[in-house]
Amino acid sequence: MTQASIDLDSFKSYIGRKIEHQDLVTVSPLERLSAWLDREDPAPKPGDAIAPGAHLLYFLSTTRQSALGAAGGNPRDDLEPPIPLQRKVWAGCRMAFYQPIRVGDEIRRVGEVKTLTTKVGRSGPLVFTTFRDEIFGPKGLAMAEEMDIIFREDPKAVEAPPPPQARPAEPSWRRSVQADPPLLFRFSALTYNSHRIHYDYLYTTQVEKYPGLLVTGPLQAVLLLDLARRNTASRPITEFSCRAERPVFEGALISVEGTPSTDGAGARLWTLDQSDAMGMTASIKFGR
C-alpha cells in the first residue's frame, strides 16, 4: 500500500464529522460489569450513579454483520473513516466526569472525529486519529472522552514489542487479575467488541502476527478505574487519563496497581504483565 492510497486529503472531510446516538441507562449491563469485576455491589436502583467507565456498556455498535470487515469490527466503527489499513492500535484515552450518569437516565452521545493525521514510519503508512465523545444526561453534559487510535498495515513478520518498563513506584494498591480467554470474551461481550484480535487466536497470530490474544486497552482502563474505586470509595473521580505502553496478552496474570499522590488529590496507576513489564500507565484526579 502506498502513501498516496491513504493521502490525508482523502479523509479531510471526516475531521469534525459527528454522529449522535441515544440510549437508556438500564440495570442489567451494570450487574454484568459488577460480576466481571468480581465485585459484590448491591443491585443498582433507579437514580443510582453508574461507576466511572460504565458508559462503555451503552451506545453499543449497530453495524450490520455484512459491513464488519475482515478484522470483525469494533465498538466505534460507526465513527471511523474508511481507512484502508487493517491493524488498529488503541493508544490511550482521556476522560472527564462532570456530573453523575444515573440508572434510568435517557442519555445522548455525540461522537466526533477530532483529529486525523498521516505519516510514513518504518513499518509503512500510519494514520493517527483522535475520537471525542460527549455524553449528555437530563441535566446537560455528564462526561467527555477522547480516544487515540493508530491505523497501520498488517505486519509481514512478528515484531518485537517496545522495551519493557518497570513499575514506577511501590504500589499502595494492588489487585491481581487472570487475563484468561473468558475474561477477554466477557469484556468484549459487555462492550460489543467483535474485533478478532481479542478472541480469534489463528487470526491474531497468523494475520496480525501477535504471539497471542490481546488484552484490550479499555479493559485495562476499567480495571484501573475499579482499583481506584476499591481504595477510595468516598472520593468521586473527576479525571482519568491513560496510555498504552506495551501489549499485554491473554494468559498473563495482570497486576493492577496504583498509589495516591502525596496531597491526596489524585493517584498514579498502572498494569503489569507476568514479566512485570508495564502494559498501561494512568493518572486520576479526585473531586472533593
Protein backbone atom coordinates (compact mmCIF):
# COMPACT_ATOMS: atom_id res chain seq x y z
CA MET A 1 0.00 0.00 0.00
CA THR A 2 1.39 3.38 -0.94
CA GLN A 3 1.23 6.66 0.91
CA ALA A 4 -0.89 8.05 -1.92
CA SER A 5 -3.59 5.45 -1.25
CA ILE A 6 -4.08 6.86 2.25
CA ASP A 7 -3.39 10.50 1.48
CA LEU A 8 -4.77 12.75 4.20
CA ASP A 9 -6.74 14.66 1.58
CA SER A 10 -8.87 11.55 1.08
CA PHE A 11 -10.10 11.79 4.68
CA LYS A 12 -10.09 15.52 5.46
CA SER A 13 -13.85 15.62 5.15
CA TYR A 14 -14.10 13.28 8.16
CA ILE A 15 -12.41 15.71 10.56
CA GLY A 16 -15.21 17.31 12.54
CA ARG A 17 -17.70 14.65 11.44
CA LYS A 18 -20.22 13.96 14.22
CA ILE A 19 -22.59 11.09 14.93
CA GLU A 20 -25.26 11.16 17.63
CA HIS A 21 -26.82 8.23 19.46
CA GLN A 22 -29.43 7.88 22.19
CA ASP A 23 -29.66 5.25 24.92
CA LEU A 24 -31.30 4.47 28.24
CA VAL A 25 -29.24 3.59 31.34
CA THR A 26 -30.56 0.17 32.29
CA VAL A 27 -29.64 -2.11 35.17
CA SER A 28 -28.60 -5.43 33.62
CA PRO A 29 -25.35 -4.23 31.92
CA LEU A 30 -24.24 -2.74 35.25
CA GLU A 31 -24.90 -6.02 37.05
CA ARG A 32 -22.85 -7.90 34.45
CA LEU A 33 -19.99 -5.42 34.78
CA SER A 34 -20.02 -5.86 38.54
CA ALA A 35 -19.86 -9.65 38.12
CA TRP A 36 -17.00 -9.30 35.62
CA LEU A 37 -15.08 -7.18 38.13
CA ASP A 38 -15.71 -9.73 40.93
CA ARG A 39 -17.49 -7.10 42.99
CA GLU A 40 -20.31 -7.64 45.47
CA ASP A 41 -22.21 -4.47 44.68
CA PRO A 42 -25.84 -4.05 45.72
CA ALA A 43 -28.34 -4.26 42.90
CA PRO A 44 -28.50 -0.91 41.08
CA LYS A 45 -31.66 1.11 41.64
CA PRO A 46 -33.20 3.96 39.63
CA GLY A 47 -31.29 7.12 40.44
CA ASP A 48 -28.04 5.37 41.40
CA ALA A 49 -24.90 6.82 39.79
CA ILE A 50 -23.06 4.46 37.45
CA ALA A 51 -19.36 3.82 38.02
CA PRO A 52 -16.70 5.71 36.03
CA GLY A 53 -16.06 3.69 32.88
CA ALA A 54 -19.51 2.08 32.84
CA HIS A 55 -20.51 4.37 29.96
CA LEU A 56 -18.76 1.79 27.75
CA LEU A 57 -21.76 -0.50 28.32
CA TYR A 58 -24.10 1.80 26.40
CA PHE A 59 -24.39 3.14 22.84
CA LEU A 60 -23.24 -0.26 21.56
CA SER A 61 -22.43 -0.79 17.90
CA THR A 62 -25.27 -1.42 15.48
CA THR A 63 -23.06 -2.03 12.43
CA ARG A 64 -24.59 -4.65 10.17
CA GLN A 65 -22.85 -8.02 10.11
CA SER A 66 -22.08 -7.73 6.40
CA ALA A 67 -20.21 -4.45 6.99
CA LEU A 68 -17.83 -5.60 9.73
CA GLY A 69 -14.78 -6.25 7.55
CA ALA A 70 -12.09 -8.91 7.81
CA ALA A 71 -11.00 -7.91 11.34
CA GLY A 72 -14.51 -8.26 12.72
CA GLY A 73 -15.41 -4.70 13.63
CA ASN A 74 -15.13 -2.76 16.90
CA PRO A 75 -17.27 -0.56 19.18
CA ARG A 76 -16.55 2.69 17.28
CA ASP A 77 -16.74 1.50 13.69
CA ASP A 78 -19.74 3.82 13.30
CA LEU A 79 -17.45 6.85 13.56
CA GLU A 80 -14.23 5.66 11.97
CA PRO A 81 -13.34 6.84 8.46
CA PRO A 82 -12.92 4.00 5.93
CA ILE A 83 -9.13 3.99 6.27
CA PRO A 84 -7.72 1.07 4.22
CA LEU A 85 -5.35 -0.11 6.94
CA GLN A 86 -6.46 -3.24 8.76
CA ARG A 87 -4.50 -3.10 12.01
CA LYS A 88 -5.79 -0.76 14.73
CA VAL A 89 -3.84 0.10 17.85
CA TRP A 90 -5.67 1.65 20.82
CA ALA A 91 -3.08 4.09 22.17
CA GLY A 92 -4.81 5.79 25.09
CA CYS A 93 -7.73 7.83 26.36
CA ARG A 94 -8.72 10.82 28.47
CA MET A 95 -11.98 11.02 30.43
CA ALA A 96 -13.53 13.97 32.26
CA PHE A 97 -16.51 13.43 34.56
CA TYR A 98 -18.70 16.48 35.20
CA GLN A 99 -21.81 15.05 36.82
CA PRO A 100 -23.17 11.56 37.50
CA ILE A 101 -24.91 9.43 34.89
CA ARG A 102 -27.72 7.66 36.74
CA VAL A 103 -29.77 4.50 36.30
CA GLY A 104 -32.91 5.39 34.41
CA ASP A 105 -31.40 8.41 32.63
CA GLU A 106 -32.04 8.97 28.96
CA ILE A 107 -28.58 9.76 27.63
CA ARG A 108 -27.21 11.10 24.37
CA ARG A 109 -23.71 10.66 22.95
CA VAL A 110 -22.20 12.96 20.33
CA GLY A 111 -19.13 11.37 18.75
CA GLU A 112 -16.68 13.36 16.66
CA VAL A 113 -13.55 12.74 14.59
CA LYS A 114 -11.41 15.32 16.34
CA THR A 115 -8.04 14.89 14.56
CA LEU A 116 -6.62 12.77 11.77
CA THR A 117 -3.00 12.88 10.54
CA THR A 118 -0.85 10.56 8.47
CA LYS A 119 2.82 9.78 8.17
CA VAL A 120 5.10 7.02 6.91
CA GLY A 121 7.01 5.11 9.57
CA ARG A 122 9.49 2.25 9.38
CA SER A 123 6.59 -0.19 9.25
CA GLY A 124 4.76 1.69 6.47
CA PRO A 125 1.90 4.21 6.38
CA LEU A 126 0.29 5.25 9.66
CA VAL A 127 -2.88 7.18 10.41
CA PHE A 128 -3.24 8.81 13.84
CA THR A 129 -6.78 9.62 14.91
CA THR A 130 -8.45 11.07 17.98
CA PHE A 131 -12.16 10.48 18.54
CA ARG A 132 -14.09 12.58 21.04
CA ASP A 133 -17.35 11.58 22.70
CA GLU A 134 -19.56 13.83 24.79
CA ILE A 135 -22.34 12.21 26.79
CA PHE A 136 -25.31 14.28 27.92
CA GLY A 137 -27.86 13.41 30.58
CA PRO A 138 -31.05 15.13 31.74
CA LYS A 139 -29.02 17.98 33.28
CA GLY A 140 -26.58 18.53 30.43
CA LEU A 141 -23.01 17.40 29.75
CA ALA A 142 -22.13 14.49 32.05
CA MET A 143 -18.76 13.37 30.71
CA ALA A 144 -16.37 13.57 27.79
CA GLU A 145 -13.86 11.05 26.48
CA GLU A 146 -11.13 11.21 23.88
CA MET A 147 -9.61 8.04 22.41
CA ASP A 148 -6.41 7.80 20.37
CA ILE A 149 -6.36 5.13 17.67
CA ILE A 150 -3.49 4.33 15.28
CA PHE A 151 -4.23 2.63 11.96
CA ARG A 152 -1.44 0.69 10.24
CA GLU A 153 -0.81 -2.16 7.82
CA ASP A 154 -0.74 -5.76 8.99
CA PRO A 155 2.90 -6.67 9.73
CA LYS A 156 4.69 -9.07 7.43
CA ALA A 157 6.52 -10.75 10.31
CA VAL A 158 6.44 -10.91 14.08
CA GLU A 159 7.54 -7.59 15.53
CA ALA A 160 9.39 -7.04 18.78
CA PRO A 161 7.31 -5.21 21.40
CA PRO A 162 8.50 -1.90 22.86
CA PRO A 163 11.20 -2.20 25.54
CA PRO A 164 9.69 -3.14 28.91
CA GLN A 165 9.32 -0.52 31.63
CA ALA A 166 9.37 -1.37 35.31
CA ARG A 167 6.72 -0.20 37.79
CA PRO A 168 7.19 3.50 38.54
CA ALA A 169 6.74 3.21 42.31
CA GLU A 170 5.99 0.78 45.09
CA PRO A 171 2.20 0.35 44.94
CA SER A 172 -0.11 1.19 47.79
CA TRP A 173 -2.96 -0.58 45.98
CA ARG A 174 -2.68 -3.88 44.14
CA ARG A 175 -5.02 -6.44 42.66
CA SER A 176 -4.16 -9.48 40.50
CA VAL A 177 -6.41 -10.48 37.59
CA GLN A 178 -6.01 -13.60 35.46
CA ALA A 179 -6.23 -12.45 31.83
CA ASP A 180 -7.63 -15.71 30.51
CA PRO A 181 -9.85 -16.06 27.41
CA PRO A 182 -13.12 -15.93 29.44
CA LEU A 183 -12.08 -12.57 30.91
CA LEU A 184 -11.40 -11.20 27.42
CA PHE A 185 -14.56 -12.70 25.97
CA ARG A 186 -16.86 -11.39 28.69
CA PHE A 187 -15.47 -7.86 28.42
CA SER A 188 -15.84 -7.96 24.64
CA ALA A 189 -19.43 -9.12 25.16
CA LEU A 190 -20.10 -6.29 27.62
CA THR A 191 -18.84 -3.68 25.16
CA TYR A 192 -19.93 -5.49 21.96
CA ASN A 193 -16.35 -5.51 20.68
CA SER A 194 -16.12 -8.04 17.86
CA HIS A 195 -12.54 -7.33 16.79
CA ARG A 196 -10.91 -10.69 16.20
CA ILE A 197 -7.61 -9.96 17.98
CA HIS A 198 -9.41 -10.48 21.29
CA TYR A 199 -10.92 -13.94 20.63
CA ASP A 200 -9.67 -15.46 17.34
CA TYR A 201 -6.26 -16.99 18.06
CA LEU A 202 -5.50 -18.03 14.48
CA TYR A 203 -6.33 -14.62 13.06
CA THR A 204 -4.39 -12.85 15.80
CA THR A 205 -1.23 -14.93 15.41
CA GLN A 206 -1.26 -15.57 11.65
CA VAL A 207 -2.61 -12.28 10.23
CA GLU A 208 -1.68 -9.63 12.78
CA LYS A 209 1.41 -11.57 13.94
CA TYR A 210 0.85 -11.18 17.66
CA PRO A 211 2.02 -14.01 19.96
CA GLY A 212 -1.47 -14.37 21.47
CA LEU A 213 -4.85 -12.76 22.03
CA LEU A 214 -4.60 -9.12 23.07
CA VAL A 215 -5.96 -7.72 26.31
CA THR A 216 -7.82 -4.58 25.19
CA GLY A 217 -6.85 -1.11 26.30
CA PRO A 218 -10.35 -0.27 27.54
CA LEU A 219 -10.36 -3.49 29.59
CA GLN A 220 -7.20 -2.37 31.40
CA ALA A 221 -8.60 1.15 31.81
CA VAL A 222 -11.74 -0.20 33.50
CA LEU A 223 -9.63 -2.35 35.83
CA LEU A 224 -7.59 0.72 36.82
CA LEU A 225 -10.71 2.81 37.44
CA ASP A 226 -12.11 -0.02 39.54
CA LEU A 227 -8.88 -0.23 41.56
CA ALA A 228 -9.24 3.44 42.48
CA ARG A 229 -12.89 2.90 43.43
CA ARG A 230 -11.98 -0.03 45.68
CA ASN A 231 -9.46 2.06 47.59
CA THR A 232 -11.10 5.49 47.61
CA ALA A 233 -14.81 4.69 47.68
CA SER A 234 -15.80 8.09 49.09
CA ARG A 235 -13.84 10.15 46.55
CA PRO A 236 -15.51 10.98 43.23
CA ILE A 237 -13.26 10.62 40.19
CA THR A 238 -13.24 13.77 38.05
CA GLU A 239 -10.49 12.97 35.52
CA PHE A 240 -8.81 9.85 34.18
CA SER A 241 -6.15 9.54 31.51
CA CYS A 242 -4.22 6.50 30.35
CA ARG A 243 -1.62 5.48 27.82
CA ALA A 244 -0.87 2.05 26.38
CA GLU A 245 2.83 1.34 26.85
CA ARG A 246 3.23 -2.27 25.71
CA PRO A 247 0.85 -5.05 24.58
CA VAL A 248 -0.49 -7.43 27.21
CA PHE A 249 -1.55 -10.89 26.07
CA GLU A 250 -4.03 -13.46 27.34
CA GLY A 251 -2.77 -16.00 29.82
CA ALA A 252 -0.89 -13.35 31.78
CA LEU A 253 -1.58 -12.66 35.43
CA ILE A 254 -2.11 -8.91 35.27
CA SER A 255 -1.10 -6.90 38.30
CA VAL A 256 -3.33 -3.82 38.58
CA GLU A 257 -1.52 -1.31 40.78
CA GLY A 258 -1.56 2.27 41.95
CA THR A 259 -0.53 4.76 44.57
CA PRO A 260 -2.18 8.00 45.69
CA SER A 261 -0.42 11.32 45.29
CA THR A 262 1.16 12.88 48.37
CA ASP A 263 -1.52 15.58 48.51
CA GLY A 264 -4.34 13.06 48.10
CA ALA A 265 -5.76 14.91 45.10
CA GLY A 266 -5.12 12.08 42.66
CA ALA A 267 -3.29 8.85 42.01
CA ARG A 268 -0.89 7.14 39.63
CA LEU A 269 -1.95 3.77 38.28
CA TRP A 270 -0.52 1.10 36.03
CA THR A 271 -0.84 -2.50 34.87
CA LEU A 272 1.97 -5.06 34.73
CA ASP A 273 2.09 -8.31 32.79
CA GLN A 274 3.51 -11.59 34.09
CA SER A 275 7.08 -10.37 33.40
CA ASP A 276 6.47 -7.19 35.47
CA ALA A 277 6.58 -5.04 32.32
CA MET A 278 4.12 -2.13 32.30
CA GLY A 279 1.21 -2.53 29.93
CA MET A 280 -0.58 0.73 30.71
CA THR A 281 0.05 3.86 32.77
CA ALA A 282 -2.70 6.13 34.02
CA SER A 283 -3.50 9.04 36.29
CA ILE A 284 -6.63 10.01 38.19
CA LYS A 285 -7.86 13.22 39.79
CA PHE A 286 -10.38 13.16 42.61
CA GLY A 287 -13.08 15.67 43.42
CA ARG A 288 -13.96 16.89 46.89
